[in-house]
Amino acid sequence: QVQLVESGGGLVQPGGSLRLSCVASGSIFGINTMAWYRQAPGKQRELVAEITSGGRTNYQDSVKGRFTISRDNAKKTVYLQANNLKPEDTAVYYCNADVRPRSYLSSYPYWGQGTQVTVSS
């Protein structure tokens, strides 16, 4: 009943920018931490950035200074502004959120379907 849907991926040239969005929907009581992960071909899924309900952020070292994570609690949406993109940023980007459904007393991690980001000239 809880779903996360990403959007905003695509093909960009090195040095370009993308803004990814992820919207949570369904019977939701509340959302705690929201995060972006990515997985490149042949590699394990890795945390890119995360943001708590209070706005605290954490970034992978390789994206510090280039990526910015933010959220709009009223819209149940998390964003990832990715600037100065590099070929090594190419991956499927997944939204993750720690969500408490209305039917349950605790939270549970949910995942989006992923959106492809390709950085190439």
N, C-alpha and C. Protein backbone atom coordinates (compact mmCIF):
# COMPACT_ATOMS: atom_id res chain seq x y z
N GLN A 1 0.81 -1.21 0.00
CA GLN A 1 0.00 0.00 0.00
C GLN A 1 0.85 1.27 0.00
N VAL A 2 2.11 1.17 0.43
CA VAL A 2 3.03 2.30 0.37
C VAL A 2 3.89 2.14 -0.87
N GLN A 3 4.01 3.21 -1.63
CA GLN A 3 4.81 3.19 -2.84
C GLN A 3 5.73 4.40 -2.91
N LEU A 4 6.92 4.20 -3.47
CA LEU A 4 7.85 5.27 -3.77
C LEU A 4 8.09 5.28 -5.27
N VAL A 5 7.98 6.44 -5.89
CA VAL A 5 8.15 6.55 -7.33
C VAL A 5 9.17 7.63 -7.64
N GLU A 6 10.27 7.23 -8.31
CA GLU A 6 11.32 8.17 -8.69
C GLU A 6 11.07 8.72 -10.09
N SER A 7 11.64 9.89 -10.34
CA SER A 7 11.60 10.49 -11.66
C SER A 7 12.78 11.44 -11.80
N GLY A 8 13.07 11.85 -13.03
CA GLY A 8 14.10 12.84 -13.27
C GLY A 8 15.39 12.32 -13.85
N GLY A 9 15.53 11.02 -13.98
CA GLY A 9 16.73 10.46 -14.57
C GLY A 9 16.80 10.71 -16.06
N GLY A 10 17.95 10.41 -16.64
CA GLY A 10 18.11 10.61 -18.06
C GLY A 10 19.57 10.60 -18.47
N LEU A 11 19.81 11.03 -19.70
CA LEU A 11 21.15 11.10 -20.27
C LEU A 11 21.65 12.53 -20.24
N VAL A 12 22.82 12.74 -19.65
CA VAL A 12 23.43 14.06 -19.59
C VAL A 12 24.91 13.97 -19.94
N GLN A 13 25.47 15.09 -20.38
CA GLN A 13 26.89 15.15 -20.67
C GLN A 13 27.68 15.39 -19.39
N PRO A 14 28.95 15.00 -19.36
CA PRO A 14 29.78 15.32 -18.20
C PRO A 14 29.74 16.81 -17.89
N GLY A 15 29.60 17.13 -16.61
CA GLY A 15 29.47 18.51 -16.19
C GLY A 15 28.04 19.00 -16.13
N GLY A 16 27.11 18.21 -16.62
CA GLY A 16 25.71 18.58 -16.60
C GLY A 16 25.06 18.32 -15.26
N SER A 17 23.76 18.59 -15.19
CA SER A 17 23.01 18.47 -13.94
C SER A 17 21.69 17.74 -14.16
N LEU A 18 21.22 17.10 -13.11
CA LEU A 18 19.91 16.47 -13.07
C LEU A 18 19.30 16.70 -11.70
N ARG A 19 17.98 16.72 -11.66
CA ARG A 19 17.27 16.80 -10.39
C ARG A 19 16.33 15.60 -10.30
N LEU A 20 16.62 14.71 -9.38
CA LEU A 20 15.80 13.53 -9.16
C LEU A 20 14.75 13.80 -8.09
N SER A 21 13.58 13.22 -8.27
CA SER A 21 12.50 13.36 -7.31
C SER A 21 11.97 11.99 -6.94
N CYS A 22 11.48 11.87 -5.73
CA CYS A 22 10.86 10.64 -5.27
C CYS A 22 9.67 10.99 -4.40
N VAL A 23 8.50 10.51 -4.78
CA VAL A 23 7.26 10.81 -4.07
C VAL A 23 6.74 9.56 -3.39
N ALA A 24 6.43 9.68 -2.12
CA ALA A 24 5.83 8.59 -1.36
C ALA A 24 4.32 8.75 -1.35
N SER A 25 3.61 7.64 -1.51
CA SER A 25 2.16 7.68 -1.50
C SER A 25 1.61 6.44 -0.81
N GLY A 26 0.33 6.48 -0.46
CA GLY A 26 -0.32 5.37 0.20
C GLY A 26 -0.79 5.75 1.59
N SER A 27 -1.11 4.73 2.38
CA SER A 27 -1.60 4.95 3.74
C SER A 27 -0.41 5.13 4.68
N ILE A 28 0.04 6.36 4.81
CA ILE A 28 1.27 6.69 5.54
C ILE A 28 0.96 7.49 6.79
N PHE A 29 1.51 7.03 7.91
CA PHE A 29 1.40 7.78 9.15
C PHE A 29 2.52 8.81 9.25
N GLY A 30 3.73 8.40 8.90
CA GLY A 30 4.87 9.30 8.95
C GLY A 30 6.08 8.71 8.23
N ILE A 31 7.02 9.58 7.89
CA ILE A 31 8.24 9.18 7.21
C ILE A 31 9.43 9.69 8.00
N ASN A 32 10.35 8.79 8.31
CA ASN A 32 11.56 9.17 9.02
C ASN A 32 12.65 9.52 8.00
N THR A 33 13.76 8.82 8.02
CA THR A 33 14.85 9.12 7.10
C THR A 33 14.48 8.76 5.67
N MET A 34 14.88 9.62 4.73
CA MET A 34 14.75 9.35 3.31
C MET A 34 16.15 9.40 2.71
N ALA A 35 16.38 8.61 1.67
CA ALA A 35 17.73 8.48 1.14
C ALA A 35 17.72 8.15 -0.34
N TRP A 36 18.87 8.39 -0.95
CA TRP A 36 19.12 7.98 -2.32
C TRP A 36 20.28 7.00 -2.35
N TYR A 37 20.09 5.89 -3.02
CA TYR A 37 21.12 4.89 -3.27
C TYR A 37 21.34 4.81 -4.78
N ARG A 38 22.45 4.20 -5.16
CA ARG A 38 22.68 3.95 -6.58
C ARG A 38 23.42 2.63 -6.76
N GLN A 39 23.23 2.05 -7.93
CA GLN A 39 23.88 0.79 -8.26
C GLN A 39 24.33 0.82 -9.71
N ALA A 40 25.63 0.74 -9.91
CA ALA A 40 26.20 0.68 -11.24
C ALA A 40 26.37 -0.78 -11.66
N PRO A 41 26.44 -1.04 -12.97
CA PRO A 41 26.61 -2.42 -13.43
C PRO A 41 27.83 -3.09 -12.82
N GLY A 42 27.64 -4.28 -12.28
CA GLY A 42 28.73 -5.03 -11.69
C GLY A 42 29.15 -4.58 -10.32
N LYS A 43 28.45 -3.62 -9.73
CA LYS A 43 28.81 -3.10 -8.42
C LYS A 43 27.65 -3.25 -7.44
N GLN A 44 27.97 -3.18 -6.16
CA GLN A 44 26.96 -3.26 -5.12
C GLN A 44 26.22 -1.93 -4.99
N ARG A 45 25.00 -2.00 -4.49
CA ARG A 45 24.24 -0.79 -4.23
C ARG A 45 24.90 -0.02 -3.09
N GLU A 46 25.00 1.30 -3.25
CA GLU A 46 25.67 2.13 -2.26
C GLU A 46 24.83 3.35 -1.91
N LEU A 47 24.98 3.79 -0.68
CA LEU A 47 24.29 5.00 -0.23
C LEU A 47 24.94 6.22 -0.86
N VAL A 48 24.12 7.09 -1.43
CA VAL A 48 24.59 8.34 -2.00
C VAL A 48 24.40 9.48 -1.01
N ALA A 49 23.20 9.62 -0.49
CA ALA A 49 22.89 10.68 0.45
C ALA A 49 21.64 10.31 1.23
N GLU A 50 21.52 10.84 2.43
CA GLU A 50 20.34 10.61 3.24
C GLU A 50 20.00 11.87 4.02
N ILE A 51 18.74 11.97 4.40
CA ILE A 51 18.28 13.13 5.14
C ILE A 51 17.23 12.69 6.15
N THR A 52 17.39 13.12 7.39
CA THR A 52 16.45 12.76 8.44
C THR A 52 15.22 13.64 8.38
N SER A 53 14.22 13.29 9.18
CA SER A 53 13.01 14.09 9.23
C SER A 53 13.28 15.50 9.74
N GLY A 54 14.36 15.67 10.51
CA GLY A 54 14.74 16.97 11.03
C GLY A 54 15.66 17.75 10.12
N GLY A 55 16.06 17.17 8.99
CA GLY A 55 16.87 17.88 8.02
C GLY A 55 18.37 17.61 8.10
N ARG A 56 18.81 16.71 8.94
CA ARG A 56 20.22 16.36 8.99
C ARG A 56 20.58 15.56 7.75
N THR A 57 21.73 15.85 7.15
CA THR A 57 22.14 15.20 5.92
C THR A 57 23.46 14.47 6.07
N ASN A 58 23.66 13.48 5.21
CA ASN A 58 24.89 12.73 5.16
C ASN A 58 25.14 12.36 3.70
N TYR A 59 26.40 12.51 3.23
CA TYR A 59 26.74 12.26 1.84
C TYR A 59 27.91 11.32 1.71
N GLN A 60 27.89 10.54 0.65
CA GLN A 60 29.05 9.77 0.27
C GLN A 60 30.15 10.76 -0.14
N ASP A 61 31.39 10.44 0.20
CA ASP A 61 32.49 11.37 -0.06
C ASP A 61 32.60 11.76 -1.54
N SER A 62 32.34 10.84 -2.44
CA SER A 62 32.53 11.10 -3.85
C SER A 62 31.55 12.12 -4.43
N VAL A 63 30.47 12.42 -3.71
CA VAL A 63 29.47 13.36 -4.22
C VAL A 63 29.39 14.64 -3.40
N LYS A 64 30.17 14.74 -2.35
CA LYS A 64 30.16 15.93 -1.51
C LYS A 64 30.54 17.16 -2.32
N GLY A 65 29.77 18.21 -2.17
CA GLY A 65 30.01 19.44 -2.91
C GLY A 65 29.37 19.46 -4.27
N ARG A 66 28.89 18.32 -4.76
CA ARG A 66 28.25 18.24 -6.07
C ARG A 66 26.76 17.92 -5.98
N PHE A 67 26.39 17.06 -5.02
CA PHE A 67 25.01 16.64 -4.86
C PHE A 67 24.40 17.28 -3.62
N THR A 68 23.10 17.55 -3.68
CA THR A 68 22.37 18.08 -2.54
C THR A 68 21.06 17.33 -2.38
N ILE A 69 20.83 16.79 -1.19
CA ILE A 69 19.57 16.12 -0.90
C ILE A 69 18.69 17.06 -0.09
N SER A 70 17.40 17.04 -0.38
CA SER A 70 16.44 17.87 0.33
C SER A 70 15.10 17.15 0.37
N ARG A 71 14.18 17.67 1.16
CA ARG A 71 12.86 17.03 1.25
C ARG A 71 11.78 18.06 1.50
N ASP A 72 10.59 17.70 1.08
CA ASP A 72 9.39 18.50 1.32
C ASP A 72 8.43 17.58 2.05
N ASN A 73 8.32 17.75 3.35
CA ASN A 73 7.51 16.84 4.15
C ASN A 73 6.02 16.91 3.81
N ALA A 74 5.54 18.09 3.47
CA ALA A 74 4.13 18.24 3.11
C ALA A 74 3.80 17.46 1.85
N LYS A 75 4.74 17.40 0.92
CA LYS A 75 4.54 16.68 -0.33
C LYS A 75 5.03 15.24 -0.27
N LYS A 76 5.61 14.84 0.87
CA LYS A 76 6.18 13.50 1.04
C LYS A 76 7.14 13.19 -0.10
N THR A 77 8.03 14.12 -0.36
CA THR A 77 8.94 14.04 -1.49
C THR A 77 10.38 14.31 -1.06
N VAL A 78 11.30 13.54 -1.62
CA VAL A 78 12.72 13.78 -1.42
C VAL A 78 13.35 14.06 -2.78
N TYR A 79 14.32 14.97 -2.81
CA TYR A 79 14.97 15.38 -4.05
C TYR A 79 16.47 15.12 -3.96
N LEU A 80 17.08 14.95 -5.11
CA LEU A 80 18.52 14.90 -5.21
C LEU A 80 18.95 15.79 -6.37
N GLN A 81 19.55 16.92 -6.04
CA GLN A 81 20.11 17.80 -7.06
C GLN A 81 21.54 17.36 -7.32
N ALA A 82 21.79 16.90 -8.52
CA ALA A 82 23.10 16.37 -8.89
C ALA A 82 23.74 17.30 -9.91
N ASN A 83 24.82 17.97 -9.51
CA ASN A 83 25.53 18.91 -10.37
C ASN A 83 26.91 18.38 -10.73
N ASN A 84 27.49 18.96 -11.77
CA ASN A 84 28.83 18.58 -12.22
C ASN A 84 28.96 17.07 -12.32
N LEU A 85 28.03 16.47 -13.01
CA LEU A 85 28.00 15.01 -13.11
C LEU A 85 29.20 14.46 -13.87
N LYS A 86 29.65 13.30 -13.42
CA LYS A 86 30.79 12.62 -14.00
C LYS A 86 30.36 11.26 -14.54
N PRO A 87 31.11 10.70 -15.49
CA PRO A 87 30.76 9.39 -16.02
C PRO A 87 30.63 8.32 -14.92
N GLU A 88 31.43 8.42 -13.88
CA GLU A 88 31.36 7.45 -12.80
C GLU A 88 30.09 7.57 -11.95
N ASP A 89 29.29 8.62 -12.19
CA ASP A 89 28.00 8.74 -11.52
C ASP A 89 26.93 7.90 -12.21
N THR A 90 27.23 7.35 -13.36
CA THR A 90 26.27 6.54 -14.10
C THR A 90 25.83 5.34 -13.27
N ALA A 91 24.52 5.21 -13.09
CA ALA A 91 23.97 4.13 -12.27
C ALA A 91 22.46 4.23 -12.28
N VAL A 92 21.82 3.20 -11.75
CA VAL A 92 20.41 3.28 -11.43
C VAL A 92 20.29 3.86 -10.03
N TYR A 93 19.53 4.92 -9.89
CA TYR A 93 19.37 5.59 -8.61
C TYR A 93 18.04 5.17 -7.99
N TYR A 94 18.10 4.74 -6.73
CA TYR A 94 16.94 4.24 -6.02
C TYR A 94 16.60 5.13 -4.83
N CYS A 95 15.33 5.37 -4.66
CA CYS A 95 14.84 6.10 -3.50
C CYS A 95 14.55 5.11 -2.38
N ASN A 96 14.89 5.48 -1.17
CA ASN A 96 14.62 4.67 0.01
C ASN A 96 14.01 5.56 1.09
N ALA A 97 13.03 5.02 1.80
CA ALA A 97 12.42 5.80 2.88
C ALA A 97 11.99 4.89 4.01
N ASP A 98 12.22 5.34 5.23
CA ASP A 98 11.78 4.63 6.42
C ASP A 98 10.39 5.14 6.74
N VAL A 99 9.38 4.33 6.43
CA VAL A 99 7.98 4.77 6.47
C VAL A 99 7.19 4.00 7.52
N ARG A 100 6.38 4.72 8.28
CA ARG A 100 5.44 4.08 9.19
C ARG A 100 4.07 4.10 8.55
N PRO A 101 3.55 2.92 8.15
CA PRO A 101 2.19 2.86 7.62
C PRO A 101 1.16 3.14 8.70
N ARG A 102 -0.02 3.57 8.32
CA ARG A 102 -1.08 3.85 9.29
C ARG A 102 -1.54 2.58 10.00
N SER A 103 -1.38 1.44 9.37
CA SER A 103 -1.84 0.18 9.94
C SER A 103 -0.82 -0.50 10.85
N TYR A 104 0.34 0.11 11.05
CA TYR A 104 1.40 -0.49 11.83
C TYR A 104 1.96 0.52 12.82
N LEU A 105 2.51 0.01 13.92
CA LEU A 105 3.01 0.89 14.98
C LEU A 105 4.48 1.23 14.84
N SER A 106 5.16 0.66 13.87
CA SER A 106 6.57 0.92 13.66
C SER A 106 6.84 1.19 12.18
N SER A 107 8.05 1.65 11.89
CA SER A 107 8.41 1.98 10.52
C SER A 107 9.05 0.80 9.81
N TYR A 108 9.11 0.89 8.48
CA TYR A 108 9.62 -0.17 7.64
C TYR A 108 10.27 0.46 6.42
N PRO A 109 11.41 -0.09 5.96
CA PRO A 109 12.06 0.50 4.78
C PRO A 109 11.37 0.14 3.47
N TYR A 110 11.12 1.15 2.65
CA TYR A 110 10.52 0.96 1.34
C TYR A 110 11.47 1.46 0.27
N TRP A 111 11.36 0.87 -0.92
CA TRP A 111 12.22 1.19 -2.05
C TRP A 111 11.41 1.57 -3.27
N GLY A 112 11.95 2.49 -4.05
CA GLY A 112 11.37 2.81 -5.34
C GLY A 112 11.87 1.85 -6.40
N GLN A 113 11.37 2.02 -7.61
CA GLN A 113 11.72 1.12 -8.70
C GLN A 113 13.05 1.47 -9.37
N GLY A 114 13.56 2.65 -9.12
CA GLY A 114 14.83 3.08 -9.69
C GLY A 114 14.64 3.95 -10.92
N THR A 115 15.58 4.86 -11.12
CA THR A 115 15.61 5.69 -12.32
C THR A 115 17.04 5.73 -12.85
N GLN A 116 17.19 5.57 -14.14
CA GLN A 116 18.51 5.47 -14.76
C GLN A 116 19.13 6.85 -14.95
N VAL A 117 20.37 7.00 -14.51
CA VAL A 117 21.17 8.19 -14.77
C VAL A 117 22.38 7.77 -15.58
N THR A 118 22.53 8.35 -16.75
CA THR A 118 23.67 8.04 -17.61
C THR A 118 24.41 9.33 -17.93
N VAL A 119 25.70 9.35 -17.62
CA VAL A 119 26.55 10.51 -17.88
C VAL A 119 27.56 10.12 -18.94
N SER A 120 27.41 10.68 -20.12
CA SER A 120 28.26 10.29 -21.24
C SER A 120 28.29 11.40 -22.29
N SER A 121 29.42 11.53 -22.96
CA SER A 121 29.55 12.47 -24.05
C SER A 121 29.28 11.80 -25.40
